[in-house]
Amino acid sequence: MTSNMAALRSVSLRLSRISRCSNRIIVCRRNLSEQTSSDESDKEGENERRTHFGFESIAEGDKTGKVHEVFSNVASKYDVMNDAMSLGVHRLWKDQFMQVLDPLPGTRLLDVAGGTGDIAFRFIKWMKYKEQQKLPKASMGSEFRLNPMETDDSGSEADFPSAEDYLYREHQGDTSDAEEKKDSRVVVCDINQDMLEVGKERAKELGLEDDITWVTGNAEELPFPDNSFDAYTIAFGIRNVTHIEKALCEAYRVLTPGGRFLCLEFSQVDNPLISSVYDLYSFQVIPVLGELIASDWKSYQYLVESIRNFPRQDDFVQMIQAAGFRMVTYNNLTYGVAAIHSGFKI
């Protein structure tokens, strides 16, 4: 009898231990399941917050830094880069871009992602030409074309104001004579300091350093008050923005009622034959030129890939409209290799 009781106690003890172990296993499995579910949820969240960098998928928070690095690398060779990517036609595109804008005397222009000054220089030349001719509209001719050989050794070192500096100057300007406010002016805003350095140096060579205000700023969070500018331009820059929708909404915010949004960007070619030739040149030639000219294959590879990820012309029209712009149109350049999109804040 005693031996049977001892055996029962032993079995009971073993069952108790098995039960405790089983409970621990269940708890561990539950915790593991919850952790796995949490990890999957985190991964889904990360996937929702991912964006493209060329053909690479990266976290949204990383894109600004990566794009900044690309343009820091190519800043000193930016003109050469554009010549390589467009076979030099970008200069004609920019001339036509300014012709489409056709700014009137007194226009306040904000040129975003325009660090090297190409659009700002054309704007200043355009306005000065109009003033000299004293015509309500100037015709685009060879006399307008920007001549990079015009130089002037006068100038000062690059000095890019912060948003606070700019707003202070605007406040000071509010007390100036009304006639002075009618003068045309251009503000170049770029997130990349190296690009601004290049633009400032070029402005000094052209004798235009006193005609441009240079401001460091992000297209998604412009450091300017509402209703500050009559025209907003962005050339070959919006495809590099992490959130294009935010940049478009910011453009709408800073424009005055009746103000115009104008964007020049590489786009999509519909003609199959031209598209195949363009793709071959883009992917097989441009990165090689980047390596030969600037010892930088990766930056040029990204720039090519970023073009293919940019929305098609009609899709971009819808994005501009969604930001609030009206009378949105576009005009293809060179069979759609580039396009000019236009919209008004009405």
Protein backbone atom coordinates (compact mmCIF):
# COMPACT_ATOMS: atom_id res chain seq x y z
CA MET A 1 0.00 0.00 0.00
CA THR A 2 2.78 2.33 0.96
CA SER A 3 4.57 1.61 -2.28
CA ASN A 4 1.40 2.34 -4.26
CA MET A 5 0.96 5.70 -2.51
CA ALA A 6 4.57 6.56 -3.24
CA ALA A 7 4.06 5.66 -6.89
CA LEU A 8 0.94 7.85 -7.09
CA ARG A 9 2.79 10.77 -5.53
CA SER A 10 5.61 10.32 -8.05
CA VAL A 11 3.17 10.24 -10.98
CA SER A 12 1.29 13.26 -9.61
CA LEU A 13 4.54 15.19 -9.23
CA ARG A 14 5.57 14.35 -12.80
CA LEU A 15 2.17 15.39 -14.14
CA SER A 16 2.41 18.65 -12.23
CA ARG A 17 5.83 19.33 -13.72
CA ILE A 18 4.58 18.46 -17.22
CA SER A 19 1.62 20.79 -16.71
CA ARG A 20 3.86 23.65 -15.63
CA CYS A 21 6.15 23.05 -18.59
CA SER A 22 3.17 22.92 -20.91
CA ASN A 23 1.88 26.23 -19.57
CA ARG A 24 5.29 27.80 -20.05
CA ILE A 25 5.38 26.53 -23.64
CA ILE A 26 1.92 27.98 -24.28
CA VAL A 27 2.96 31.32 -22.80
CA CYS A 28 6.18 31.35 -24.84
CA ARG A 29 4.28 30.50 -27.99
CA ARG A 30 1.78 33.26 -27.28
CA ASN A 31 4.56 35.78 -26.68
CA LEU A 32 6.35 34.63 -29.81
CA SER A 33 3.13 34.95 -31.79
CA GLU A 34 2.52 38.44 -30.45
CA GLN A 35 6.11 39.45 -31.17
CA THR A 36 5.90 38.04 -34.70
CA SER A 37 2.64 39.88 -35.27
CA SER A 38 4.23 43.07 -33.94
CA ASP A 39 7.26 42.61 -36.17
CA GLU A 40 5.05 42.03 -39.19
CA SER A 41 3.06 45.13 -38.30
CA ASP A 42 6.29 47.13 -38.01
CA LYS A 43 7.45 45.80 -41.36
CA GLU A 44 4.14 46.74 -42.92
CA GLY A 45 4.54 50.21 -41.42
CA GLU A 46 8.03 50.45 -42.82
CA ASN A 47 6.76 49.35 -46.22
CA GLU A 48 4.14 52.08 -46.11
CA ARG A 49 6.83 54.62 -45.35
CA ARG A 50 9.21 53.55 -48.08
CA THR A 51 9.97 55.41 -51.27
CA HIS A 52 12.17 55.04 -54.32
CA PHE A 53 15.70 56.25 -54.80
CA GLY A 54 16.19 55.53 -58.45
CA PHE A 55 15.17 51.87 -58.75
CA GLU A 56 16.13 51.20 -55.13
CA SER A 57 13.50 51.05 -52.37
CA ILE A 58 14.56 52.98 -49.27
CA ALA A 59 13.01 54.44 -46.12
CA GLU A 60 11.42 57.82 -46.76
CA GLY A 61 13.57 59.44 -44.10
CA ASP A 62 16.73 58.44 -45.97
CA LYS A 63 15.87 59.95 -49.36
CA THR A 64 16.62 63.60 -48.62
CA GLY A 65 20.11 62.73 -47.40
CA LYS A 66 20.83 60.47 -50.36
CA VAL A 67 19.62 63.04 -52.89
CA HIS A 68 21.65 65.71 -51.09
CA GLU A 69 24.74 63.53 -51.44
CA VAL A 70 24.11 63.01 -55.16
CA PHE A 71 23.86 66.72 -55.90
CA SER A 72 26.81 67.55 -53.69
CA ASN A 73 28.79 65.09 -55.81
CA VAL A 74 27.65 66.54 -59.14
CA ALA A 75 27.42 70.23 -58.20
CA SER A 76 30.73 71.22 -59.76
CA LYS A 77 29.83 69.34 -62.96
CA TYR A 78 26.14 70.18 -63.02
CA ASP A 79 26.14 71.88 -66.43
CA VAL A 80 28.15 69.02 -67.88
CA MET A 81 25.67 66.59 -66.34
CA ASN A 82 22.69 68.33 -67.94
CA ASP A 83 24.52 68.50 -71.26
CA ALA A 84 25.17 64.76 -71.04
CA MET A 85 21.60 63.88 -70.10
CA SER A 86 19.99 66.08 -72.77
CA LEU A 87 22.75 66.32 -75.40
CA GLY A 88 22.88 70.04 -74.65
CA VAL A 89 19.21 70.61 -75.52
CA HIS A 90 18.40 71.58 -71.91
CA ARG A 91 19.61 75.09 -72.69
CA LEU A 92 16.95 75.46 -75.40
CA TRP A 93 14.35 73.94 -73.08
CA LYS A 94 15.14 76.52 -70.41
CA ASP A 95 14.90 79.33 -72.93
CA GLN A 96 11.45 78.07 -73.93
CA PHE A 97 10.56 77.66 -70.24
CA MET A 98 11.18 81.36 -69.68
CA GLN A 99 9.26 82.22 -72.84
CA VAL A 100 6.25 80.30 -71.50
CA LEU A 101 6.52 82.08 -68.13
CA ASP A 102 6.80 85.46 -69.91
CA PRO A 103 7.06 87.41 -66.63
CA LEU A 104 5.76 90.96 -66.45
CA PRO A 105 7.67 93.87 -64.86
CA GLY A 106 7.35 93.70 -61.09
CA THR A 107 7.13 89.89 -60.99
CA ARG A 108 8.30 88.29 -57.76
CA LEU A 109 9.75 84.92 -58.73
CA LEU A 110 10.62 81.98 -56.48
CA ASP A 111 12.88 79.46 -58.24
CA VAL A 112 12.99 76.25 -56.19
CA ALA A 113 15.78 73.67 -56.52
CA GLY A 114 17.50 76.23 -58.71
CA GLY A 115 20.83 76.33 -56.91
CA THR A 116 23.01 76.81 -59.99
CA GLY A 117 20.94 79.80 -61.08
CA ASP A 118 20.05 78.81 -64.65
CA ILE A 119 16.43 79.90 -64.42
CA ALA A 120 17.17 82.94 -62.24
CA PHE A 121 19.75 84.22 -64.73
CA ARG A 122 17.29 83.85 -67.60
CA PHE A 123 14.62 85.64 -65.60
CA ILE A 124 16.91 88.60 -64.92
CA LYS A 125 18.05 88.78 -68.55
CA TRP A 126 14.45 88.56 -69.71
CA MET A 127 13.30 91.39 -67.43
CA LYS A 128 16.22 93.64 -68.35
CA TYR A 129 15.61 93.02 -72.03
CA LYS A 130 11.94 93.95 -71.61
CA GLU A 131 12.85 97.10 -69.73
CA GLN A 132 15.31 98.12 -72.42
CA GLN A 133 12.82 97.49 -75.20
CA LYS A 134 9.94 98.98 -73.20
CA LEU A 135 7.57 96.43 -74.66
CA PRO A 136 4.67 94.73 -72.86
CA LYS A 137 5.88 91.49 -74.38
CA ALA A 138 9.33 90.58 -75.55
CA SER A 139 9.98 88.12 -78.30
CA MET A 140 12.41 85.29 -77.66
CA GLY A 141 15.43 85.77 -79.87
CA SER A 142 19.11 85.11 -80.01
CA GLU A 143 19.77 88.41 -78.26
CA PHE A 144 18.14 87.03 -75.13
CA ARG A 145 20.16 83.84 -74.87
CA LEU A 146 22.31 83.72 -71.78
CA ASN A 147 25.97 84.13 -72.73
CA PRO A 148 28.17 82.39 -70.16
CA MET A 149 31.20 84.23 -71.54
CA GLU A 150 29.96 87.54 -70.10
CA THR A 151 32.03 87.93 -66.98
CA ASP A 152 32.47 90.45 -64.20
CA ASP A 153 35.10 90.02 -61.53
CA SER A 154 33.19 92.08 -58.97
CA GLY A 155 31.28 90.30 -56.22
CA SER A 156 31.45 88.89 -52.73
CA GLU A 157 31.75 85.49 -51.15
CA ALA A 158 28.68 83.26 -51.07
CA ASP A 159 26.30 84.10 -48.27
CA PHE A 160 23.05 82.19 -48.06
CA PRO A 161 20.54 83.59 -45.56
CA SER A 162 18.47 81.41 -43.32
CA ALA A 163 14.69 81.60 -43.36
CA GLU A 164 14.83 84.01 -40.42
CA ASP A 165 17.23 86.31 -42.28
CA TYR A 166 14.99 86.33 -45.33
CA LEU A 167 11.85 87.08 -43.33
CA TYR A 168 13.67 89.89 -41.53
CA ARG A 169 14.64 91.45 -44.85
CA GLU A 170 11.04 91.13 -46.04
CA HIS A 171 9.84 92.88 -42.90
CA GLN A 172 12.35 95.68 -43.42
CA GLY A 173 11.20 95.95 -47.03
CA ASP A 174 7.63 96.60 -45.89
CA THR A 175 8.65 100.13 -44.85
CA SER A 176 10.29 100.95 -48.17
CA ASP A 177 8.85 103.19 -50.86
CA ALA A 178 5.96 101.69 -52.81
CA GLU A 179 7.73 102.24 -56.11
CA GLU A 180 10.59 100.03 -55.01
CA LYS A 181 8.16 97.20 -54.37
CA LYS A 182 7.25 97.21 -58.05
CA ASP A 183 10.74 96.11 -59.01
CA SER A 184 11.08 92.54 -60.26
CA ARG A 185 13.00 90.23 -57.99
CA VAL A 186 14.00 86.59 -57.86
CA VAL A 187 14.68 84.32 -54.91
CA VAL A 188 16.53 81.05 -55.47
CA CYS A 189 15.75 78.40 -52.86
CA ASP A 190 17.72 75.15 -52.75
CA ILE A 191 18.30 72.57 -50.03
CA ASN A 192 21.85 71.88 -51.18
CA GLN A 193 24.57 74.28 -50.10
CA ASP A 194 27.04 73.06 -52.72
CA MET A 195 24.61 73.82 -55.52
CA LEU A 196 24.04 77.31 -54.11
CA GLU A 197 27.79 77.87 -54.01
CA VAL A 198 28.00 77.06 -57.71
CA GLY A 199 25.11 79.41 -58.48
CA LYS A 200 26.56 82.24 -56.44
CA GLU A 201 29.91 81.90 -58.20
CA ARG A 202 28.23 81.89 -61.61
CA ALA A 203 26.18 84.96 -60.67
CA LYS A 204 29.40 86.77 -59.76
CA GLU A 205 30.96 85.87 -63.10
CA LEU A 206 27.88 87.20 -64.91
CA GLY A 207 27.68 90.34 -62.83
CA LEU A 208 24.27 89.36 -61.45
CA GLU A 209 25.12 88.66 -57.82
CA ASP A 210 23.19 91.72 -56.58
CA ASP A 211 20.03 90.73 -58.47
CA ILE A 212 19.38 87.41 -56.72
CA THR A 213 18.55 86.40 -53.15
CA TRP A 214 19.90 82.94 -52.27
CA VAL A 215 18.08 80.98 -49.56
CA THR A 216 18.63 77.49 -48.20
CA GLY A 217 15.35 75.65 -47.87
CA ASN A 218 13.40 72.44 -48.46
CA ALA A 219 10.78 72.37 -51.24
CA GLU A 220 8.50 70.45 -48.88
CA GLU A 221 8.72 73.11 -46.17
CA LEU A 222 9.41 76.45 -47.85
CA PRO A 223 10.64 79.15 -45.43
CA PHE A 224 8.35 81.84 -46.85
CA PRO A 225 5.00 83.33 -45.80
CA ASP A 226 1.75 82.61 -47.62
CA ASN A 227 1.03 84.59 -50.79
CA SER A 228 4.64 85.80 -51.17
CA PHE A 229 5.39 85.28 -54.88
CA ASP A 230 3.76 85.89 -58.25
CA ALA A 231 5.48 82.96 -59.93
CA TYR A 232 7.01 79.67 -58.80
CA THR A 233 9.42 77.77 -61.03
CA ILE A 234 11.19 74.46 -60.56
CA ALA A 235 13.39 72.97 -63.27
CA PHE A 236 14.71 69.40 -63.10
CA GLY A 237 14.19 69.32 -59.35
CA ILE A 238 10.75 68.08 -58.39
CA ARG A 239 11.46 64.44 -59.25
CA ASN A 240 14.09 64.40 -56.50
CA VAL A 241 11.64 65.48 -53.79
CA THR A 242 10.57 62.77 -51.35
CA HIS A 243 6.93 63.88 -51.19
CA ILE A 244 5.99 65.55 -54.48
CA GLU A 245 2.49 66.26 -53.17
CA LYS A 246 3.90 68.30 -50.27
CA ALA A 247 6.12 70.31 -52.61
CA LEU A 248 3.13 71.10 -54.83
CA CYS A 249 1.03 72.18 -51.84
CA GLU A 250 3.87 74.42 -50.68
CA ALA A 251 4.08 75.96 -54.14
CA TYR A 252 0.36 76.72 -53.96
CA ARG A 253 0.69 78.20 -50.47
CA VAL A 254 3.45 80.70 -51.25
CA LEU A 255 1.92 81.92 -54.52
CA THR A 256 -0.35 84.95 -54.57
CA PRO A 257 -3.88 84.51 -55.95
CA GLY A 258 -3.49 84.46 -59.71
CA GLY A 259 0.11 83.31 -59.33
CA ARG A 260 1.60 80.77 -61.71
CA PHE A 261 3.28 77.42 -61.12
CA LEU A 262 5.68 76.29 -63.84
CA CYS A 263 7.68 73.07 -63.82
CA LEU A 264 10.28 71.82 -66.29
CA GLU A 265 11.15 68.16 -65.81
CA PHE A 266 12.37 65.10 -67.67
CA SER A 267 9.34 63.05 -68.63
CA GLN A 268 8.14 60.01 -70.59
CA VAL A 269 8.57 59.39 -74.31
CA ASP A 270 5.59 57.70 -76.01
CA ASN A 271 7.12 57.01 -79.41
CA PRO A 272 8.43 53.39 -79.16
CA LEU A 273 11.39 53.91 -81.49
CA ILE A 274 12.55 57.14 -79.87
CA SER A 275 11.91 55.66 -76.42
CA SER A 276 14.12 52.64 -77.10
CA VAL A 277 16.96 54.83 -78.38
CA TYR A 278 16.54 57.18 -75.42
CA ASP A 279 16.61 54.26 -72.94
CA LEU A 280 19.72 52.84 -74.55
CA TYR A 281 21.48 56.18 -74.33
CA SER A 282 20.27 56.82 -70.77
CA PHE A 283 21.27 53.51 -69.22
CA GLN A 284 24.29 52.57 -71.30
CA VAL A 285 25.92 55.92 -72.05
CA ILE A 286 25.09 58.50 -69.36
CA PRO A 287 26.50 56.53 -66.37
CA VAL A 288 29.66 55.87 -68.37
CA LEU A 289 29.97 59.58 -69.12
CA GLY A 290 29.44 60.26 -65.42
CA GLU A 291 32.35 58.01 -64.59
CA LEU A 292 34.58 59.53 -67.27
CA ILE A 293 33.67 63.18 -66.61
CA ALA A 294 33.10 63.23 -62.86
CA SER A 295 34.38 59.84 -61.64
CA ASP A 296 30.88 59.20 -60.33
CA TRP A 297 28.93 56.36 -61.91
CA LYS A 298 26.35 55.93 -59.12
CA SER A 299 25.09 59.52 -59.03
CA TYR A 300 24.46 59.57 -62.76
CA GLN A 301 22.85 56.13 -62.61
CA TYR A 302 20.45 57.45 -59.96
CA LEU A 303 19.57 60.50 -62.04
CA VAL A 304 18.65 58.29 -65.00
CA GLU A 305 16.59 55.96 -62.83
CA SER A 306 14.83 58.86 -61.11
CA ILE A 307 13.48 60.00 -64.49
CA ARG A 308 11.85 56.62 -65.10
CA ASN A 309 10.15 56.75 -61.70
CA PHE A 310 8.66 60.20 -62.25
CA PRO A 311 4.90 60.27 -62.99
CA ARG A 312 3.77 60.38 -66.59
CA GLN A 313 2.62 63.73 -67.97
CA ASP A 314 -1.12 63.14 -67.43
CA ASP A 315 -0.58 61.70 -63.95
CA PHE A 316 1.48 64.73 -62.96
CA VAL A 317 -1.33 66.98 -64.20
CA GLN A 318 -3.68 65.28 -61.75
CA MET A 319 -1.19 65.75 -58.91
CA ILE A 320 -0.92 69.46 -59.66
CA GLN A 321 -4.69 69.77 -59.75
CA ALA A 322 -4.98 67.91 -56.45
CA ALA A 323 -2.76 70.59 -54.86
CA GLY A 324 -5.37 73.19 -55.79
CA PHE A 325 -4.08 74.57 -59.10
CA ARG A 326 -6.44 75.28 -61.99
CA MET A 327 -6.00 75.61 -65.76
CA VAL A 328 -3.30 72.92 -65.58
CA THR A 329 -1.66 72.09 -68.90
CA TYR A 330 1.58 70.61 -70.19
CA ASN A 331 3.70 70.87 -73.28
CA ASN A 332 6.07 68.11 -74.39
CA LEU A 333 9.59 69.02 -75.44
CA THR A 334 11.62 66.83 -77.80
CA TYR A 335 8.96 64.11 -78.10
CA GLY A 336 8.39 64.03 -74.33
CA VAL A 337 11.99 63.70 -73.19
CA ALA A 338 11.07 66.72 -71.08
CA ALA A 339 7.81 68.53 -70.40
CA ILE A 340 6.66 71.92 -69.11
CA HIS A 341 3.69 71.75 -66.74
CA SER A 342 1.76 74.92 -65.93
CA GLY A 343 -0.95 75.78 -63.42
CA PHE A 344 -2.53 78.83 -61.78
CA LYS A 345 -3.63 79.59 -58.22
CA ILE A 346 -7.20 80.71 -58.87
